[in-house]
N, C-alpha and C. Protein backbone atom coordinates (compact mmCIF):
# COMPACT_ATOMS: atom_id res chain seq x y z
N MET A 1 -89.33 23.72 -6.89
CA MET A 1 -89.33 22.39 -7.45
C MET A 1 -89.31 22.49 -8.97
N LYS A 2 -88.42 21.75 -9.58
CA LYS A 2 -88.21 21.81 -11.01
C LYS A 2 -88.77 20.55 -11.67
N PHE A 3 -89.54 20.74 -12.76
CA PHE A 3 -90.12 19.61 -13.47
C PHE A 3 -89.15 19.12 -14.53
N ASP A 4 -88.99 17.82 -14.61
CA ASP A 4 -88.05 17.23 -15.56
C ASP A 4 -88.79 16.81 -16.83
N PHE A 5 -88.45 17.45 -17.95
CA PHE A 5 -89.08 17.16 -19.23
C PHE A 5 -88.39 16.03 -20.00
N LYS A 6 -87.26 15.58 -19.52
CA LYS A 6 -86.49 14.57 -20.23
C LYS A 6 -87.28 13.28 -20.51
N PRO A 7 -87.98 12.73 -19.53
CA PRO A 7 -88.74 11.50 -19.81
C PRO A 7 -89.87 11.73 -20.83
N ILE A 8 -90.46 12.92 -20.81
CA ILE A 8 -91.53 13.23 -21.75
C ILE A 8 -90.98 13.29 -23.17
N PHE A 9 -89.86 13.99 -23.35
CA PHE A 9 -89.24 14.08 -24.67
C PHE A 9 -88.78 12.71 -25.16
N LYS A 10 -88.27 11.90 -24.26
CA LYS A 10 -87.83 10.56 -24.63
C LYS A 10 -89.02 9.71 -25.09
N SER A 11 -90.14 9.81 -24.39
CA SER A 11 -91.33 9.06 -24.77
C SER A 11 -91.88 9.52 -26.11
N ILE A 12 -91.91 10.83 -26.34
CA ILE A 12 -92.39 11.36 -27.61
C ILE A 12 -91.48 10.92 -28.74
N PHE A 13 -90.17 10.94 -28.50
CA PHE A 13 -89.21 10.49 -29.51
C PHE A 13 -89.43 9.02 -29.86
N ILE A 14 -89.65 8.19 -28.88
CA ILE A 14 -89.87 6.76 -29.13
C ILE A 14 -91.16 6.53 -29.91
N ILE A 15 -92.21 7.28 -29.57
CA ILE A 15 -93.47 7.15 -30.29
C ILE A 15 -93.31 7.59 -31.74
N LEU A 16 -92.65 8.72 -31.97
CA LEU A 16 -92.42 9.19 -33.34
C LEU A 16 -91.54 8.23 -34.12
N LEU A 17 -90.53 7.68 -33.48
CA LEU A 17 -89.67 6.69 -34.12
C LEU A 17 -90.47 5.45 -34.53
N PHE A 18 -91.37 5.02 -33.66
CA PHE A 18 -92.23 3.88 -33.97
C PHE A 18 -93.13 4.17 -35.16
N ILE A 19 -93.71 5.36 -35.21
CA ILE A 19 -94.59 5.73 -36.32
C ILE A 19 -93.82 5.79 -37.64
N VAL A 20 -92.63 6.38 -37.61
CA VAL A 20 -91.81 6.46 -38.83
C VAL A 20 -91.41 5.06 -39.29
N ALA A 21 -91.04 4.19 -38.36
CA ALA A 21 -90.67 2.82 -38.72
C ALA A 21 -91.87 2.07 -39.29
N ALA A 22 -93.05 2.28 -38.73
CA ALA A 22 -94.26 1.60 -39.22
C ALA A 22 -94.59 2.05 -40.64
N VAL A 23 -94.48 3.35 -40.91
CA VAL A 23 -94.77 3.86 -42.26
C VAL A 23 -93.74 3.33 -43.26
N ALA A 24 -92.47 3.31 -42.86
CA ALA A 24 -91.42 2.81 -43.75
C ALA A 24 -91.63 1.32 -44.05
N LEU A 25 -91.96 0.54 -43.04
CA LEU A 25 -92.18 -0.89 -43.26
C LEU A 25 -93.43 -1.13 -44.11
N PHE A 26 -94.45 -0.30 -43.95
CA PHE A 26 -95.65 -0.40 -44.77
C PHE A 26 -95.32 -0.13 -46.23
N ALA A 27 -94.50 0.90 -46.48
CA ALA A 27 -94.10 1.25 -47.84
C ALA A 27 -93.28 0.12 -48.47
N VAL A 28 -92.37 -0.44 -47.70
CA VAL A 28 -91.55 -1.56 -48.21
C VAL A 28 -92.44 -2.76 -48.49
N GLY A 29 -93.41 -3.02 -47.63
CA GLY A 29 -94.34 -4.12 -47.86
C GLY A 29 -95.16 -3.93 -49.12
N LEU A 30 -95.61 -2.69 -49.36
CA LEU A 30 -96.34 -2.40 -50.59
C LEU A 30 -95.46 -2.65 -51.81
N MET A 31 -94.21 -2.21 -51.73
CA MET A 31 -93.30 -2.38 -52.86
C MET A 31 -93.03 -3.86 -53.13
N ILE A 32 -92.83 -4.63 -52.09
CA ILE A 32 -92.58 -6.06 -52.26
C ILE A 32 -93.82 -6.76 -52.80
N GLY A 33 -94.97 -6.42 -52.24
CA GLY A 33 -96.20 -7.05 -52.68
C GLY A 33 -96.54 -6.73 -54.12
N TYR A 34 -96.36 -5.48 -54.52
CA TYR A 34 -96.70 -5.09 -55.89
C TYR A 34 -95.61 -5.47 -56.87
N GLY A 35 -94.36 -5.33 -56.46
CA GLY A 35 -93.25 -5.58 -57.38
C GLY A 35 -92.89 -7.03 -57.53
N VAL A 36 -92.83 -7.76 -56.44
CA VAL A 36 -92.38 -9.16 -56.50
C VAL A 36 -93.56 -10.10 -56.69
N LEU A 37 -94.54 -9.99 -55.81
CA LEU A 37 -95.67 -10.91 -55.88
C LEU A 37 -96.63 -10.56 -57.01
N GLY A 38 -96.76 -9.28 -57.31
CA GLY A 38 -97.71 -8.86 -58.33
C GLY A 38 -97.11 -8.70 -59.71
N ASP A 39 -95.85 -8.98 -59.87
CA ASP A 39 -95.14 -8.88 -61.15
C ASP A 39 -95.26 -7.51 -61.80
N GLY A 40 -95.28 -6.46 -60.99
CA GLY A 40 -95.29 -5.09 -61.51
C GLY A 40 -93.98 -4.42 -61.16
N GLU A 41 -93.86 -3.17 -61.53
CA GLU A 41 -92.68 -2.41 -61.14
C GLU A 41 -92.91 -1.87 -59.73
N ALA A 42 -91.94 -2.05 -58.86
CA ALA A 42 -92.13 -1.76 -57.44
C ALA A 42 -92.50 -0.30 -57.17
N MET A 43 -91.94 0.64 -57.91
CA MET A 43 -92.22 2.05 -57.65
C MET A 43 -93.58 2.50 -58.18
N GLN A 44 -94.22 1.70 -59.02
CA GLN A 44 -95.53 2.04 -59.54
C GLN A 44 -96.60 2.03 -58.45
N VAL A 45 -96.31 1.37 -57.35
CA VAL A 45 -97.30 1.27 -56.28
C VAL A 45 -97.59 2.64 -55.66
N PHE A 46 -96.72 3.60 -55.85
CA PHE A 46 -96.91 4.93 -55.28
C PHE A 46 -97.56 5.91 -56.26
N GLU A 47 -97.91 5.44 -57.44
CA GLU A 47 -98.54 6.31 -58.43
C GLU A 47 -100.05 6.35 -58.21
N ARG A 48 -100.62 7.50 -58.49
CA ARG A 48 -102.05 7.71 -58.30
C ARG A 48 -102.88 6.79 -59.20
N GLU A 49 -102.45 6.60 -60.44
CA GLU A 49 -103.20 5.78 -61.38
C GLU A 49 -103.33 4.34 -60.89
N THR A 50 -102.33 3.84 -60.22
CA THR A 50 -102.37 2.48 -59.70
C THR A 50 -103.48 2.36 -58.67
N TRP A 51 -103.57 3.30 -57.76
CA TRP A 51 -104.58 3.25 -56.72
C TRP A 51 -105.97 3.51 -57.27
N GLU A 52 -106.08 4.35 -58.30
CA GLU A 52 -107.38 4.54 -58.94
C GLU A 52 -107.85 3.25 -59.58
N HIS A 53 -106.94 2.53 -60.22
CA HIS A 53 -107.28 1.25 -60.83
C HIS A 53 -107.70 0.23 -59.76
N ILE A 54 -106.99 0.18 -58.65
CA ILE A 54 -107.32 -0.75 -57.57
C ILE A 54 -108.69 -0.43 -57.01
N LEU A 55 -108.98 0.85 -56.78
CA LEU A 55 -110.28 1.24 -56.23
C LEU A 55 -111.41 0.98 -57.20
N GLU A 56 -111.16 1.17 -58.51
CA GLU A 56 -112.18 0.84 -59.51
C GLU A 56 -112.45 -0.67 -59.54
N PHE A 57 -111.40 -1.44 -59.36
CA PHE A 57 -111.55 -2.90 -59.35
C PHE A 57 -112.37 -3.35 -58.14
N ILE A 58 -112.19 -2.70 -56.99
CA ILE A 58 -112.92 -3.06 -55.78
C ILE A 58 -114.40 -2.68 -55.92
N ARG A 59 -114.68 -1.54 -56.50
CA ARG A 59 -116.07 -1.09 -56.65
C ARG A 59 -116.74 -1.95 -57.67
């Protein structure tokens, strides 16, 4: 009897695709929120100094 790995690989692929899409949409959301709504430069949201400033503001 032979075990079929095809459904397992397909399920793993779908899960990984979902995770990649979620991370990409999160990054786009950060860019839109910081760049458009926050009147900053969109790529600055990925800089360490930006997050340090945000965390200092929260504390």
